[in-house]
Protein backbone atom coordinates (compact mmCIF):
# COMPACT_ATOMS: atom_id res chain seq x y z
CA MET A 1 100.45 97.59 105.68
CA PRO A 2 97.80 99.89 105.30
CA THR A 3 94.78 99.59 102.87
CA ALA A 4 93.17 101.93 100.71
CA PRO A 5 90.54 103.80 102.84
CA ARG A 6 87.22 104.38 102.40
CA PRO A 7 86.10 107.39 100.24
CA ASP A 8 84.99 109.23 103.91
CA GLN A 9 88.38 108.69 104.92
CA ALA A 10 90.47 110.80 102.21
CA SER A 11 90.82 114.08 102.77
CA ALA A 12 92.44 117.21 100.98
CA PRO A 13 93.33 120.63 102.11
CA ALA A 14 90.35 122.74 102.36
CA GLY A 15 89.11 124.22 99.03
CA LEU A 16 91.08 121.12 97.32
CA PRO A 17 88.99 118.19 95.54
CA SER A 18 90.43 114.74 96.83
CA ILE A 19 92.51 112.57 94.86
CA GLU A 20 92.03 109.32 94.14
CA VAL A 21 95.17 108.21 93.00
CA ALA A 22 98.48 110.19 92.29
CA ALA A 23 100.83 108.27 90.20
CA VAL A 24 104.54 109.32 89.63
CA GLY A 25 107.17 108.65 87.26
CA GLU A 26 108.72 110.19 83.71
CA THR A 27 106.57 110.80 80.96
CA MET A 28 108.52 111.08 77.42
CA VAL A 29 108.14 112.58 73.91
CA VAL A 30 108.23 109.51 71.23
CA LEU A 31 109.27 109.33 67.61
CA CYS A 32 108.49 106.96 65.35
CA PRO A 33 108.95 106.44 61.62
CA ALA A 34 106.17 104.90 59.37
CA PRO A 35 105.71 100.92 60.17
CA GLY A 36 108.52 98.60 58.72
CA GLU A 37 110.55 101.78 57.69
CA PRO A 38 114.15 101.65 59.58
CA LEU A 39 114.54 104.83 61.30
CA GLU A 40 118.03 105.60 59.28
CA ARG A 41 115.97 105.80 56.10
CA ALA A 42 112.90 107.62 57.57
CA GLU A 43 112.04 111.25 56.07
CA ARG A 44 109.16 111.97 58.33
CA VAL A 45 108.47 110.94 62.20
CA ALA A 46 105.37 110.78 63.99
CA VAL A 47 105.38 112.20 67.33
CA SER A 48 103.53 111.03 70.27
CA VAL A 49 103.56 110.73 74.17
CA GLY A 50 104.99 107.72 76.21
CA GLY A 51 104.68 107.07 79.95
CA ALA A 52 103.86 103.75 82.13
CA GLU A 53 102.58 105.99 85.16
CA SER A 54 100.59 108.81 82.84
CA ASN A 55 99.11 106.07 80.99
CA VAL A 56 97.63 104.20 84.17
CA ALA A 57 96.38 107.93 85.46
CA GLY A 58 94.58 108.36 81.85
CA TYR A 59 92.95 105.05 82.24
CA LEU A 60 91.61 105.48 85.78
CA ALA A 61 90.62 109.12 84.76
CA ARG A 62 88.28 107.83 81.53
CA LEU A 63 87.09 105.49 84.09
CA GLY A 64 85.58 108.29 85.92
CA HIS A 65 88.32 108.69 88.85
CA LEU A 66 90.48 111.68 90.01
CA THR A 67 93.69 111.46 89.30
CA THR A 68 96.81 113.56 89.33
CA TRP A 69 100.10 112.94 87.56
CA VAL A 70 103.02 113.46 89.39
CA SER A 71 106.22 114.54 87.33
CA ARG A 72 109.05 117.12 86.06
CA VAL A 73 109.02 118.16 81.92
CA GLY A 74 111.54 120.79 80.73
CA ASP A 75 110.68 123.97 79.59
CA ASP A 76 110.87 123.06 75.93
CA PRO A 77 108.15 122.07 73.29
CA PHE A 78 108.68 118.39 74.01
CA GLY A 79 107.69 118.91 77.74
CA ARG A 80 104.53 120.98 76.77
CA ALA A 81 103.43 118.61 74.58
CA VAL A 82 103.67 115.78 76.99
CA VAL A 83 101.69 117.92 79.70
CA ARG A 84 99.07 118.79 77.03
CA HIS A 85 98.65 115.20 76.06
CA VAL A 86 98.37 114.09 79.69
CA ALA A 87 96.02 116.60 80.58
CA ALA A 88 94.06 116.02 77.53
CA ALA A 89 93.08 112.59 79.21
CA GLY A 90 91.51 113.69 81.69
CA VAL A 91 94.38 114.07 84.47
CA ARG A 92 95.16 116.56 86.51
CA VAL A 93 98.82 117.88 85.87
CA ASP A 94 99.38 120.76 88.86
CA GLN A 95 101.91 118.39 90.34
CA VAL A 96 103.98 118.66 87.29
CA CYS A 97 107.23 120.96 88.01
CA VAL A 98 108.59 122.75 84.87
CA ASP A 99 112.22 122.43 84.99
CA PRO A 100 114.26 125.05 82.93
CA ALA A 101 117.58 123.70 83.70
CA ALA A 102 116.93 120.09 81.81
CA PRO A 103 115.28 118.63 79.15
CA THR A 104 112.35 116.61 78.27
CA GLY A 105 112.98 112.69 77.79
CA LEU A 106 113.00 111.47 74.50
CA TYR A 107 112.69 107.91 73.26
CA VAL A 108 112.76 106.80 69.58
CA LYS A 109 111.37 103.75 67.61
CA ASP A 110 113.33 101.93 65.38
CA PRO A 111 111.20 99.70 62.85
CA GLY A 112 112.88 96.53 61.42
CA PRO A 113 112.45 92.58 60.36
CA GLU A 114 113.39 91.47 63.59
CA GLY A 115 111.10 93.86 65.44
CA THR A 116 111.23 97.51 66.78
CA ALA A 117 114.00 98.71 68.64
CA VAL A 118 114.19 101.88 71.23
CA HIS A 119 116.46 104.45 71.79
CA TYR A 120 116.34 106.18 75.09
CA TYR A 121 117.38 110.04 75.23
CA ARG A 122 116.74 110.59 78.62
CA ALA A 123 119.83 110.65 80.40
CA GLY A 124 119.83 114.22 82.82
CA SER A 125 116.19 114.60 81.51
CA ALA A 126 113.92 117.05 83.95
CA ALA A 127 111.83 113.61 85.22
CA ALA A 128 115.31 112.45 86.56
CA ARG A 129 115.87 115.32 88.70
CA MET A 130 112.95 114.26 90.74
CA ASP A 131 113.57 113.49 94.38
CA PRO A 132 112.09 112.73 97.95
CA ALA A 133 110.62 116.53 98.14
CA THR A 134 108.25 115.65 94.70
CA LEU A 135 105.48 114.12 97.27
CA ALA A 136 106.09 116.85 99.73
CA ASP A 137 103.08 119.35 98.26
CA PRO A 138 99.88 119.15 100.89
CA ALA A 139 97.79 118.89 97.82
CA LEU A 140 98.50 115.05 97.63
CA ALA A 141 97.63 114.30 101.02
CA GLY A 142 94.33 113.01 100.54
CA ALA A 143 95.17 110.66 97.83
CA ARG A 144 94.01 106.80 98.44
CA VAL A 145 96.46 105.54 95.95
CA LEU A 146 100.22 106.07 95.15
CA HIS A 147 100.91 104.33 91.75
CA LEU A 148 104.86 103.85 91.16
CA SER A 149 106.55 101.97 89.19
CA GLY A 150 110.03 100.04 89.21
CA ILE A 151 111.28 102.40 86.04
CA THR A 152 111.52 105.35 88.17
CA PRO A 153 114.48 104.14 90.46
CA VAL A 154 116.98 103.33 87.86
CA LEU A 155 116.38 106.95 86.40
CA SER A 156 118.88 108.48 89.05
CA ALA A 157 119.84 108.37 92.36
CA SER A 158 117.65 111.44 93.27
CA CYS A 159 114.52 109.18 91.70
CA ARG A 160 115.63 106.07 93.51
CA ALA A 161 115.76 107.91 96.86
CA LEU A 162 112.07 109.42 95.99
CA VAL A 163 110.75 105.74 95.44
CA GLU A 164 112.35 104.35 98.94
CA HIS A 165 110.96 107.30 100.57
CA ALA A 166 107.67 106.62 99.41
CA VAL A 167 107.50 102.85 100.16
CA THR A 168 109.45 103.06 103.32
CA ASP A 169 108.61 106.62 104.83
CA ARG A 170 104.73 106.92 103.24
CA PRO A 171 104.73 110.41 103.27
CA LEU A 172 101.18 110.34 101.76
CA ALA A 173 99.73 108.56 105.00
CA GLN A 174 96.44 107.55 103.85
CA ALA A 175 97.65 106.12 100.65
CA MET A 176 97.65 102.44 99.65
CA VAL A 177 101.18 102.22 97.34
CA SER A 178 100.64 100.31 94.22
CA PHE A 179 103.50 99.22 92.37
CA ASP A 180 104.06 97.93 89.23
CA VAL A 181 107.59 96.16 88.41
CA ASN A 182 108.08 97.38 84.87
CA HIS A 183 111.58 95.89 84.77
CA ARG A 184 113.14 97.63 81.42
CA ALA A 185 116.13 96.02 80.23
CA ARG A 186 117.36 98.48 78.18
CA LEU A 187 117.64 100.83 81.31
CA TRP A 188 119.30 98.16 83.74
CA SER A 189 120.35 94.40 83.81
CA ALA A 190 118.09 91.50 85.58
CA GLU A 191 121.35 91.09 87.26
CA GLN A 192 121.28 94.74 88.51
CA ALA A 193 117.33 95.41 88.91
CA ALA A 194 116.62 92.09 90.61
CA PRO A 195 117.46 92.48 94.25
CA VAL A 196 116.41 96.37 93.82
CA LEU A 197 113.00 95.61 92.74
CA ARG A 198 112.06 93.02 94.54
CA ASP A 199 113.11 95.08 97.95
CA LEU A 200 110.91 98.16 96.52
CA ALA A 201 107.92 96.30 95.79
CA ASN A 202 108.00 94.12 99.07
CA ARG A 203 107.52 97.47 100.97
CA CYS A 204 104.35 97.82 99.03
CA ASP A 205 100.73 97.44 99.08
CA LEU A 206 99.99 96.10 95.93
CA VAL A 207 102.48 94.68 93.29
CA PHE A 208 101.68 93.85 89.65
CA VAL A 209 104.57 92.19 87.88
CA GLY A 210 104.40 90.13 84.50
CA GLN A 211 105.01 86.22 84.83
CA ASP A 212 107.70 87.17 82.19
CA GLU A 213 109.28 89.73 84.18
CA ALA A 214 109.26 87.39 87.68
CA GLU A 215 110.97 84.47 85.36
CA THR A 216 113.74 87.04 84.10
CA LEU A 217 114.20 88.63 87.48
CA TRP A 218 113.91 85.74 90.16
CA GLY A 219 113.75 82.72 88.14
CA THR A 220 110.49 81.55 88.58
CA THR A 221 106.74 81.63 86.63
CA ASP A 222 104.66 80.05 89.20
CA PRO A 223 102.64 82.59 90.93
CA THR A 224 102.70 81.35 94.37
CA ALA A 225 106.57 81.58 94.25
CA VAL A 226 106.25 84.64 93.36
CA ARG A 227 104.18 85.55 96.51
CA GLU A 228 106.54 83.73 98.83
CA LEU A 229 109.25 86.06 97.10
CA LEU A 230 107.39 89.22 98.30
CA PRO A 231 105.45 87.94 101.60
CA ASP A 232 104.93 91.48 102.74
CA PRO A 233 102.15 93.18 100.33
CA GLU A 234 98.69 92.93 100.82
CA THR A 235 98.40 91.89 97.58
CA VAL A 236 100.44 90.40 94.52
CA VAL A 237 99.28 90.14 91.06
CA VAL A 238 101.00 88.03 88.51
CA LYS A 239 99.76 88.97 84.92
CA ASP A 240 100.46 85.99 82.20
CA GLY A 241 99.71 87.56 78.78
CA SER A 242 97.11 85.98 77.23
CA VAL A 243 96.29 83.74 79.69
CA GLY A 244 95.11 85.50 82.66
CA ALA A 245 96.11 86.90 85.55
CA THR A 246 95.95 85.84 89.38
CA ALA A 247 95.91 87.94 92.64
CA LEU A 248 97.37 86.54 95.63
CA VAL A 249 95.93 88.30 98.67
CA ARG A 250 97.00 87.64 102.09
CA ASP A 251 95.53 85.34 104.18
CA ALA A 252 93.09 84.17 101.04
CA GLU A 253 93.47 81.66 98.32
CA PRO A 254 94.88 82.43 95.19
CA VAL A 255 92.15 83.81 92.53
CA PHE A 256 93.06 83.30 88.71
CA VAL A 257 90.65 84.92 86.01
CA PRO A 258 91.53 84.11 82.75
CA ALA A 259 91.89 86.74 79.95
CA PRO A 260 88.60 86.96 77.34
CA ARG A 261 89.86 86.34 73.71
CA VAL A 262 91.16 90.10 71.21
CA THR A 263 92.71 90.45 67.89
CA VAL A 264 95.83 92.34 69.24
CA VAL A 265 96.54 95.48 67.30
CA GLU A 266 99.16 96.80 69.58
CA PRO A 267 100.75 95.57 72.52
CA VAL A 268 102.41 98.73 74.10
CA GLY A 269 100.34 100.08 77.32
CA ALA A 270 98.19 96.99 77.93
CA GLY A 271 99.91 96.19 81.30
CA ASP A 272 99.27 100.04 82.29
CA ALA A 273 95.55 99.70 81.24
CA PHE A 274 95.63 96.20 83.02
CA ALA A 275 96.73 98.15 86.42
CA ALA A 276 94.45 100.97 85.85
CA GLY A 277 91.50 98.43 85.57
CA TYR A 278 92.35 96.84 88.77
CA LEU A 279 92.89 99.88 90.76
CA ALA A 280 89.69 101.12 89.61
CA GLY A 281 88.08 98.00 90.43
CA LEU A 282 90.02 98.28 94.24
CA LEU A 283 88.23 101.99 94.37
CA ARG A 284 84.93 100.85 93.51
CA GLY A 285 85.08 98.19 96.38
CA LEU A 286 85.29 95.30 93.82
CA ASP A 287 86.01 91.69 94.82
CA PRO A 288 89.44 90.11 93.42
CA VAL A 289 87.51 88.47 90.44
CA ARG A 290 85.47 91.32 89.41
CA ARG A 291 88.97 93.46 89.88
CA LEU A 292 90.87 91.13 87.25
CA ARG A 293 88.04 91.18 85.29
CA LEU A 294 88.44 94.68 84.88
CA GLY A 295 91.80 94.65 84.79
CA HIS A 296 91.20 92.29 81.62
CA LEU A 297 88.90 94.48 80.04
CA VAL A 298 90.28 97.59 80.05
CA ALA A 299 94.03 96.25 79.00
CA ALA A 300 91.66 94.79 76.04
CA GLN A 301 91.06 98.41 74.74
CA ALA A 302 94.64 99.03 74.88
CA LEU A 303 95.33 95.70 72.82
CA THR A 304 92.80 96.56 70.46
CA SER A 305 93.80 100.21 69.68
CA SER A 306 97.13 101.93 68.55
CA GLY A 307 98.84 104.29 70.81
CA ASP A 308 99.23 104.06 74.58
CA ASN A 309 95.71 105.35 75.29
CA ALA A 310 92.84 104.20 74.14
CA PRO A 311 89.52 105.29 74.41
CA VAL A 312 87.36 103.31 77.40
CA PRO A 313 83.25 102.30 76.92
CA PRO A 314 80.76 103.42 79.42
CA TRP A 315 81.16 102.08 82.73
CA ALA A 316 77.94 99.69 81.87
CA TRP A 317 79.69 97.83 79.79
CA PHE A 318 82.35 96.92 82.17
CA GLU A 319 79.95 96.37 84.42
CA LYS A 320 77.70 93.74 82.48
CA LEU A 321 81.03 91.99 82.00
CA ILE A 322 82.29 91.68 85.32
CA ASP A 323 79.39 90.48 86.90
CA ALA A 324 78.70 87.85 84.28
CA PRO A 325 78.41 84.32 85.36
CA ASP A 326 81.77 82.27 85.48
CA ASP A 327 80.63 80.02 82.50
CA ALA A 328 79.72 83.14 80.56
CA TRP A 329 82.99 84.83 81.31
CA SER A 330 85.32 81.73 80.49
CA PRO A 331 84.63 81.50 76.67
CA LEU A 332 84.29 85.50 76.46
CA ASP A 333 85.54 86.20 72.63
CA LEU A 334 85.52 90.41 72.57
CA THR A 335 86.37 89.76 68.76
CA ASP A 336 82.80 88.58 68.33
CA PRO A 337 80.41 91.90 67.93
CA GLY A 338 77.62 89.51 69.36
CA ALA A 339 79.82 88.65 72.50
CA THR A 340 79.18 91.68 74.65
CA THR A 341 75.39 92.72 73.64
């Protein structure tokens, strides 16, 4: 399968800057009552925006990469809020189609003593009407990376066809295809999702999967066993939360990098941030160890902030830490203000 081309290999149509990463998927408006307040008793809710693929694009943009978000929104106030939010992160939104015949997706959080439940209102959404033609715009031709997730194929038959087209027909011929498994149990069961996500992931170049996802879907927590289930990608990255992550590159020994210690404020979006950091390392030509370190460091920004898109430090901060000796990285504690100075 193709690997990511060098910057001088990627080209866009005349007059357009070359896109580094095109991220495809649904982004929704999120409604959330005050922490601990059940939705049925809430008198006010906070309005925010959330979407796995646009999160990845946003973090990559903050890290200095040219990204575009490819999707559909309704011709409604929620759709305009979503587009404004994604654009504010520095992501190009000219590949977003405004659909006058379908609404923008919505999900609502319901805090409770057992945790936060999520209620989706996305059936028949504008994004669910994406199809293979979504990737036909010539402006996408020079993208170096096409990033997808396992959320999109469950949204509708046409969205499933879009992902199948992306990973099989390779309409962005120069792009490496990146795939985050991102199993959402509220959308489909493990029994339904397991064979589909395995098949789609195995046709990509780079796969991200959580160790917990791998256990739920395929009954294994061993990164090597996950790699055996996905033999065709160039790289499979297995994430094990606060423990660390393993990169299994074809024809190379597995590389494990422990995660630095952090004080978790909000875990939502950390997986997207990790993927963005790893992709940024790949685009910059870093080796697997430094890619994993960068993934951990960007994920740490998400874990220690509220909301789906946290600010990121200057590149010099990341560069110093990803180049640290192993004996300095392993005990790294980002809760210590002096650890990164």
